[in-house]
Amino acid sequence: MATPWTLERRQRQAELIRQWQPWKQSTGPRTPEGKATASRNAWQGGHRAQLRELTQALNAELAEMRRINNMARG
């Protein structure tokens, strides 16, 4: 288990972060291409309904093929 953060350790870390100022280095995308890429970060696709429909159609076709094969065998 990791060592717990003492009050002194927290204060030292806070002071170091204030010195580093990491928020000034994180600028996000700057170019139009980078902004376009970042704008799609949360895009989910929305293809689940189509995929489900195709899966159902495929399963129906497979079931029909099995039925025909069973009839042909006798």
PDB file of N, CA and C in Angstrom:
ATOM      1  N   MET A   1       0.838  -1.181   0.000  1.00  0.00           N
ATOM      2  CA  MET A   1       0.000   0.000   0.000  1.00  0.00           C
ATOM      3  C   MET A   1       0.882   1.242   0.000  1.00  0.00           C
ATOM      4  N   ALA A   2       0.460   2.267  -0.674  1.00  0.00           N
ATOM      5  CA  ALA A   2       1.236   3.496  -0.762  1.00  0.00           C
ATOM      6  C   ALA A   2       1.247   4.216   0.583  1.00  0.00           C
ATOM      7  N   THR A   3       2.252   5.043   0.761  1.00  0.00           N
ATOM      8  CA  THR A   3       2.325   5.802   2.007  1.00  0.00           C
ATOM      9  C   THR A   3       1.265   6.897   1.989  1.00  0.00           C
ATOM     10  N   PRO A   4       0.674   7.190   3.137  1.00  0.00           N
ATOM     11  CA  PRO A   4      -0.365   8.223   3.177  1.00  0.00           C
ATOM     12  C   PRO A   4       0.236   9.613   3.015  1.00  0.00           C
ATOM     13  N   TRP A   5      -0.590  10.520   2.538  1.00  0.00           N
ATOM     14  CA  TRP A   5      -0.150  11.899   2.355  1.00  0.00           C
ATOM     15  C   TRP A   5      -0.284  12.635   3.685  1.00  0.00           C
ATOM     16  N   THR A   6       0.842  13.032   4.243  1.00  0.00           N
ATOM     17  CA  THR A   6       0.814  13.822   5.473  1.00  0.00           C
ATOM     18  C   THR A   6       0.527  15.270   5.104  1.00  0.00           C
ATOM     19  N   LEU A   7       0.198  16.069   6.105  1.00  0.00           N
ATOM     20  CA  LEU A   7      -0.082  17.482   5.864  1.00  0.00           C
ATOM     21  C   LEU A   7       1.144  18.173   5.261  1.00  0.00           C
ATOM     22  N   GLU A   8       2.323  17.843   5.769  1.00  0.00           N
ATOM     23  CA  GLU A   8       3.551  18.465   5.254  1.00  0.00           C
ATOM     24  C   GLU A   8       3.790  18.067   3.799  1.00  0.00           C
ATOM     25  N   ARG A   9       3.550  16.794   3.514  1.00  0.00           N
ATOM     26  CA  ARG A   9       3.757  16.312   2.142  1.00  0.00           C
ATOM     27  C   ARG A   9       2.775  16.987   1.180  1.00  0.00           C
ATOM     28  N   ARG A  10       1.534  17.140   1.612  1.00  0.00           N
ATOM     29  CA  ARG A  10       0.535  17.817   0.775  1.00  0.00           C
ATOM     30  C   ARG A  10       0.937  19.266   0.509  1.00  0.00           C
ATOM     31  N   GLN A  11       1.392  19.953   1.559  1.00  0.00           N
ATOM     32  CA  GLN A  11       1.786  21.352   1.403  1.00  0.00           C
ATOM     33  C   GLN A  11       2.979  21.479   0.464  1.00  0.00           C
ATOM     34  N   ARG A  12       3.945  20.582   0.602  1.00  0.00           N
ATOM     35  CA  ARG A  12       5.117  20.624  -0.281  1.00  0.00           C
ATOM     36  C   ARG A  12       4.708  20.360  -1.728  1.00  0.00           C
ATOM     37  N   GLN A  13       3.849  19.372  -1.925  1.00  0.00           N
ATOM     38  CA  GLN A  13       3.401  19.057  -3.283  1.00  0.00           C
ATOM     39  C   GLN A  13       2.626  20.231  -3.872  1.00  0.00           C
ATOM     40  N   ALA A  14       1.780  20.867  -3.073  1.00  0.00           N
ATOM     41  CA  ALA A  14       1.016  22.019  -3.549  1.00  0.00           C
ATOM     42  C   ALA A  14       1.953  23.150  -3.965  1.00  0.00           C
ATOM     43  N   GLU A  15       2.990  23.381  -3.169  1.00  0.00           N
ATOM     44  CA  GLU A  15       3.947  24.436  -3.501  1.00  0.00           C
ATOM     45  C   GLU A  15       4.710  24.106  -4.787  1.00  0.00           C
ATOM     46  N   LEU A  16       5.111  22.847  -4.943  1.00  0.00           N
ATOM     47  CA  LEU A  16       5.812  22.443  -6.161  1.00  0.00           C
ATOM     48  C   LEU A  16       4.922  22.633  -7.389  1.00  0.00           C
ATOM     49  N   ILE A  17       3.663  22.273  -7.262  1.00  0.00           N
ATOM     50  CA  ILE A  17       2.743  22.425  -8.396  1.00  0.00           C
ATOM     51  C   ILE A  17       2.552  23.898  -8.722  1.00  0.00           C
ATOM     52  N   ARG A  18       2.480  24.748  -7.688  1.00  0.00           N
ATOM     53  CA  ARG A  18       2.364  26.188  -7.950  1.00  0.00           C
ATOM     54  C   ARG A  18       3.609  26.713  -8.667  1.00  0.00           C
ATOM     55  N   GLN A  19       4.777  26.134  -8.368  1.00  0.00           N
ATOM     56  CA  GLN A  19       6.000  26.549  -9.052  1.00  0.00           C
ATOM     57  C   GLN A  19       6.023  26.033 -10.492  1.00  0.00           C
ATOM     58  N   TRP A  20       5.605  24.790 -10.704  1.00  0.00           N
ATOM     59  CA  TRP A  20       5.634  24.197 -12.044  1.00  0.00           C
ATOM     60  C   TRP A  20       4.597  24.830 -12.960  1.00  0.00           C
ATOM     61  N   GLN A  21       3.456  25.186 -12.402  1.00  0.00           N
ATOM     62  CA  GLN A  21       2.336  25.765 -13.146  1.00  0.00           C
ATOM     63  C   GLN A  21       1.986  24.931 -14.382  1.00  0.00           C
ATOM     64  N   PRO A  22       1.618  23.676 -14.193  1.00  0.00           N
ATOM     65  CA  PRO A  22       1.331  22.814 -15.342  1.00  0.00           C
ATOM     66  C   PRO A  22       0.141  23.291 -16.163  1.00  0.00           C
ATOM     67  N   TRP A  23      -0.754  24.085 -15.580  1.00  0.00           N
ATOM     68  CA  TRP A  23      -1.914  24.569 -16.324  1.00  0.00           C
ATOM     69  C   TRP A  23      -1.514  25.521 -17.440  1.00  0.00           C
ATOM     70  N   LYS A  24      -0.325  26.097 -17.366  1.00  0.00           N
ATOM     71  CA  LYS A  24       0.130  26.980 -18.437  1.00  0.00           C
ATOM     72  C   LYS A  24       0.679  26.191 -19.627  1.00  0.00           C
ATOM     73  N   GLN A  25       1.001  24.912 -19.405  1.00  0.00           N
ATOM     74  CA  GLN A  25       1.560  24.097 -20.476  1.00  0.00           C
ATOM     75  C   GLN A  25       0.496  23.325 -21.236  1.00  0.00           C
ATOM     76  N   SER A  26      -0.670  23.125 -20.638  1.00  0.00           N
ATOM     77  CA  SER A  26      -1.717  22.365 -21.318  1.00  0.00           C
ATOM     78  C   SER A  26      -2.591  23.336 -22.101  1.00  0.00           C
ATOM     79  N   THR A  27      -2.324  23.419 -23.380  1.00  0.00           N
ATOM     80  CA  THR A  27      -3.006  24.405 -24.217  1.00  0.00           C
ATOM     81  C   THR A  27      -4.123  23.804 -25.038  1.00  0.00           C
ATOM     82  N   GLY A  28      -4.137  22.485 -25.171  1.00  0.00           N
ATOM     83  CA  GLY A  28      -5.130  21.874 -26.045  1.00  0.00           C
ATOM     84  C   GLY A  28      -4.700  22.015 -27.494  1.00  0.00           C
ATOM     85  N   PRO A  29      -5.570  21.621 -28.408  1.00  0.00           N
ATOM     86  CA  PRO A  29      -5.211  21.687 -29.822  1.00  0.00           C
ATOM     87  C   PRO A  29      -5.105  23.132 -30.301  1.00  0.00           C
ATOM     88  N   ARG A  30      -4.137  23.385 -31.163  1.00  0.00           N
ATOM     89  CA  ARG A  30      -3.926  24.741 -31.672  1.00  0.00           C
ATOM     90  C   ARG A  30      -4.274  24.870 -33.146  1.00  0.00           C
ATOM     91  N   THR A  31      -4.003  23.833 -33.916  1.00  0.00           N
ATOM     92  CA  THR A  31      -4.251  23.898 -35.357  1.00  0.00           C
ATOM     93  C   THR A  31      -5.692  23.500 -35.655  1.00  0.00           C
ATOM     94  N   PRO A  32      -6.217  23.920 -36.805  1.00  0.00           N
ATOM     95  CA  PRO A  32      -7.575  23.484 -37.183  1.00  0.00           C
ATOM     96  C   PRO A  32      -7.693  21.963 -37.264  1.00  0.00           C
ATOM     97  N   GLU A  33      -6.634  21.299 -37.736  1.00  0.00           N
ATOM     98  CA  GLU A  33      -6.663  19.839 -37.817  1.00  0.00           C
ATOM     99  C   GLU A  33      -6.735  19.221 -36.419  1.00  0.00           C
ATOM    100  N   GLY A  34      -5.943  19.758 -35.492  1.00  0.00           N
ATOM    101  CA  GLY A  34      -5.965  19.256 -34.125  1.00  0.00           C
ATOM    102  C   GLY A  34      -7.304  19.501 -33.454  1.00  0.00           C
ATOM    103  N   LYS A  35      -7.892  20.655 -33.723  1.00  0.00           N
ATOM    104  CA  LYS A  35      -9.203  20.961 -33.152  1.00  0.00           C
ATOM    105  C   LYS A  35     -10.270  20.036 -33.724  1.00  0.00           C
ATOM    106  N   ALA A  36     -10.166  19.725 -35.009  1.00  0.00           N
ATOM    107  CA  ALA A  36     -11.133  18.808 -35.624  1.00  0.00           C
ATOM    108  C   ALA A  36     -10.998  17.419 -35.021  1.00  0.00           C
ATOM    109  N   THR A  37      -9.773  16.983 -34.800  1.00  0.00           N
ATOM    110  CA  THR A  37      -9.549  15.672 -34.190  1.00  0.00           C
ATOM    111  C   THR A  37     -10.093  15.645 -32.764  1.00  0.00           C
ATOM    112  N   ALA A  38      -9.805  16.672 -31.988  1.00  0.00           N
ATOM    113  CA  ALA A  38     -10.258  16.724 -30.596  1.00  0.00           C
ATOM    114  C   ALA A  38     -11.775  16.813 -30.504  1.00  0.00           C
ATOM    115  N   SER A  39     -12.400  17.421 -31.493  1.00  0.00           N
ATOM    116  CA  SER A  39     -13.861  17.551 -31.443  1.00  0.00           C
ATOM    117  C   SER A  39     -14.548  16.204 -31.579  1.00  0.00           C
ATOM    118  N   ARG A  40     -13.835  15.207 -32.098  1.00  0.00           N
ATOM    119  CA  ARG A  40     -14.415  13.871 -32.267  1.00  0.00           C
ATOM    120  C   ARG A  40     -14.055  12.923 -31.124  1.00  0.00           C
ATOM    121  N   ASN A  41     -13.440  13.419 -30.062  1.00  0.00           N
ATOM    122  CA  ASN A  41     -12.999  12.553 -28.962  1.00  0.00           C
ATOM    123  C   ASN A  41     -14.146  11.784 -28.326  1.00  0.00           C
ATOM    124  N   ALA A  42     -15.287  12.403 -28.173  1.00  0.00           N
ATOM    125  CA  ALA A  42     -16.401  11.749 -27.479  1.00  0.00           C
ATOM    126  C   ALA A  42     -17.359  11.063 -28.442  1.00  0.00           C
ATOM    127  N   TRP A  43     -17.062  11.064 -29.732  1.00  0.00           N
ATOM    128  CA  TRP A  43     -17.976  10.481 -30.714  1.00  0.00           C
ATOM    129  C   TRP A  43     -18.041   8.978 -30.516  1.00  0.00           C
ATOM    130  N   GLN A  44     -19.236   8.443 -30.424  1.00  0.00           N
ATOM    131  CA  GLN A  44     -19.421   7.021 -30.159  1.00  0.00           C
ATOM    132  C   GLN A  44     -19.680   6.213 -31.426  1.00  0.00           C
ATOM    133  N   GLY A  45     -20.103   6.845 -32.481  1.00  0.00           N
ATOM    134  CA  GLY A  45     -20.307   6.127 -33.732  1.00  0.00           C
ATOM    135  C   GLY A  45     -21.762   5.934 -34.078  1.00  0.00           C
ATOM    136  N   GLY A  46     -22.557   5.496 -33.131  1.00  0.00           N
ATOM    137  CA  GLY A  46     -23.976   5.320 -33.370  1.00  0.00           C
ATOM    138  C   GLY A  46     -24.315   4.168 -34.295  1.00  0.00           C
ATOM    139  N   HIS A  47     -23.444   3.184 -34.428  1.00  0.00           N
ATOM    140  CA  HIS A  47     -23.681   2.074 -35.350  1.00  0.00           C
ATOM    141  C   HIS A  47     -24.246   0.842 -34.652  1.00  0.00           C
ATOM    142  N   ARG A  48     -24.522   0.938 -33.384  1.00  0.00           N
ATOM    143  CA  ARG A  48     -24.994  -0.239 -32.649  1.00  0.00           C
ATOM    144  C   ARG A  48     -26.309  -0.760 -33.211  1.00  0.00           C
ATOM    145  N   ALA A  49     -27.239   0.123 -33.522  1.00  0.00           N
ATOM    146  CA  ALA A  49     -28.536  -0.314 -34.046  1.00  0.00           C
ATOM    147  C   ALA A  49     -28.366  -1.009 -35.396  1.00  0.00           C
ATOM    148  N   GLN A  50     -27.516  -0.456 -36.251  1.00  0.00           N
ATOM    149  CA  GLN A  50     -27.271  -1.078 -37.554  1.00  0.00           C
ATOM    150  C   GLN A  50     -26.613  -2.443 -37.388  1.00  0.00           C
ATOM    151  N   LEU A  51     -25.641  -2.528 -36.516  1.00  0.00           N
ATOM    152  CA  LEU A  51     -24.949  -3.793 -36.287  1.00  0.00           C
ATOM    153  C   LEU A  51     -25.909  -4.841 -35.728  1.00  0.00           C
ATOM    154  N   ARG A  52     -26.771  -4.425 -34.833  1.00  0.00           N
ATOM    155  CA  ARG A  52     -27.742  -5.363 -34.270  1.00  0.00           C
ATOM    156  C   ARG A  52     -28.700  -5.862 -35.347  1.00  0.00           C
ATOM    157  N   GLU A  53     -29.155  -4.969 -36.210  1.00  0.00           N
ATOM    158  CA  GLU A  53     -30.059  -5.356 -37.294  1.00  0.00           C
ATOM    159  C   GLU A  53     -29.383  -6.337 -38.252  1.00  0.00           C
ATOM    160  N   LEU A  54     -28.131  -6.066 -38.599  1.00  0.00           N
ATOM    161  CA  LEU A  54     -27.390  -6.969 -39.479  1.00  0.00           C
ATOM    162  C   LEU A  54     -27.176  -8.334 -38.827  1.00  0.00           C
ATOM    163  N   THR A  55     -26.886  -8.335 -37.539  1.00  0.00           N
ATOM    164  CA  THR A  55     -26.697  -9.598 -36.820  1.00  0.00           C
ATOM    165  C   THR A  55     -27.977 -10.418 -36.825  1.00  0.00           C
ATOM    166  N   GLN A  56     -29.103  -9.767 -36.608  1.00  0.00           N
ATOM    167  CA  GLN A  56     -30.384 -10.473 -36.622  1.00  0.00           C
ATOM    168  C   GLN A  56     -30.678 -11.037 -38.004  1.00  0.00           C
ATOM    169  N   ALA A  57     -30.391 -10.259 -39.051  1.00  0.00           N
ATOM    170  CA  ALA A  57     -30.619 -10.737 -40.414  1.00  0.00           C
ATOM    171  C   ALA A  57     -29.717 -11.930 -40.723  1.00  0.00           C
ATOM    172  N   LEU A  58     -28.460 -11.851 -40.321  1.00  0.00           N
ATOM    173  CA  LEU A  58     -27.525 -12.950 -40.546  1.00  0.00           C
ATOM    174  C   LEU A  58     -27.973 -14.208 -39.800  1.00  0.00           C
ATOM    175  N   ASN A  59     -28.390 -14.049 -38.562  1.00  0.00           N
ATOM    176  CA  ASN A  59     -28.867 -15.203 -37.795  1.00  0.00           C
ATOM    177  C   ASN A  59     -30.103 -15.819 -38.434  1.00  0.00           C
ATOM    178  N   ALA A  60     -30.993 -15.004 -38.976  1.00  0.00           N
ATOM    179  CA  ALA A  60     -32.181 -15.526 -39.652  1.00  0.00           C
ATOM    180  C   ALA A  60     -31.783 -16.313 -40.897  1.00  0.00           C
ATOM    181  N   GLU A  61     -30.811 -15.798 -41.651  1.00  0.00           N
ATOM    182  CA  GLU A  61     -30.330 -16.504 -42.848  1.00  0.00           C
ATOM    183  C   GLU A  61     -29.692 -17.839 -42.469  1.00  0.00           C
ATOM    184  N   LEU A  62     -28.884 -17.837 -41.431  1.00  0.00           N
ATOM    185  CA  LEU A  62     -28.248 -19.081 -40.987  1.00  0.00           C
ATOM    186  C   LEU A  62     -29.288 -20.101 -40.533  1.00  0.00           C
ATOM    187  N   ALA A  63     -30.299 -19.642 -39.828  1.00  0.00           N
ATOM    188  CA  ALA A  63     -31.357 -20.552 -39.383  1.00  0.00           C
ATOM    189  C   ALA A  63     -32.091 -21.140 -40.583  1.00  0.00           C
ATOM    190  N   GLU A  64     -32.344 -20.330 -41.597  1.00  0.00           N
ATOM    191  CA  GLU A  64     -33.020 -20.810 -42.807  1.00  0.00           C
ATOM    192  C   GLU A  64     -32.149 -21.826 -43.542  1.00  0.00           C
ATOM    193  N   MET A  65     -30.845 -21.571 -43.622  1.00  0.00           N
ATOM    194  CA  MET A  65     -29.933 -22.522 -44.269  1.00  0.00           C
ATOM    195  C   MET A  65     -29.917 -23.850 -43.523  1.00  0.00           C
ATOM    196  N   ARG A  66     -29.893 -23.800 -42.202  1.00  0.00           N
ATOM    197  CA  ARG A  66     -29.917 -25.037 -41.413  1.00  0.00           C
ATOM    198  C   ARG A  66     -31.217 -25.803 -41.637  1.00  0.00           C
ATOM    199  N   ARG A  67     -32.325 -25.067 -41.708  1.00  0.00           N
ATOM    200  CA  ARG A  67     -33.619 -25.702 -41.936  1.00  0.00           C
ATOM    201  C   ARG A  67     -33.641 -26.392 -43.294  1.00  0.00           C
ATOM    202  N   ILE A  68     -33.118 -25.728 -44.325  1.00  0.00           N
ATOM    203  CA  ILE A  68     -33.084 -26.307 -45.673  1.00  0.00           C
ATOM    204  C   ILE A  68     -32.171 -27.529 -45.697  1.00  0.00           C
ATOM    205  N   ASN A  69     -31.004 -27.434 -45.062  1.00  0.00           N
ATOM    206  CA  ASN A  69     -30.076 -28.574 -45.007  1.00  0.00           C
ATOM    207  C   ASN A  69     -30.704 -29.761 -44.299  1.00  0.00           C
ATOM    208  N   ASN A  70     -31.408 -29.509 -43.225  1.00  0.00           N
ATOM    209  CA  ASN A  70     -32.067 -30.598 -42.494  1.00  0.00           C
ATOM    210  C   ASN A  70     -33.158 -31.244 -43.339  1.00  0.00           C
ATOM    211  N   MET A  71     -33.882 -30.449 -44.118  1.00  0.00           N
ATOM    212  CA  MET A  71     -34.924 -30.998 -44.994  1.00  0.00           C
ATOM    213  C   MET A  71     -34.299 -31.843 -46.099  1.00  0.00           C
ATOM    214  N   ALA A  72     -33.163 -31.400 -46.639  1.00  0.00           N
ATOM    215  CA  ALA A  72     -32.507 -32.110 -47.734  1.00  0.00           C
ATOM    216  C   ALA A  72     -31.935 -33.452 -47.258  1.00  0.00           C
ATOM    217  N   ARG A  73     -31.506 -33.507 -46.030  1.00  0.00           N
ATOM    218  CA  ARG A  73     -30.935 -34.743 -45.488  1.00  0.00           C
ATOM    219  C   ARG A  73     -32.012 -35.785 -45.211  1.00  0.00           C
ATOM    220  N   GLY A  74     -33.185 -35.294 -45.031  1.00  0.00           N
ATOM    221  CA  GLY A  74     -34.230 -36.254 -44.953  1.00  0.00           C
ATOM    222  C   GLY A  74     -34.925 -36.442 -43.721  1.00  0.00           C
TER     223      GLY A  74
END
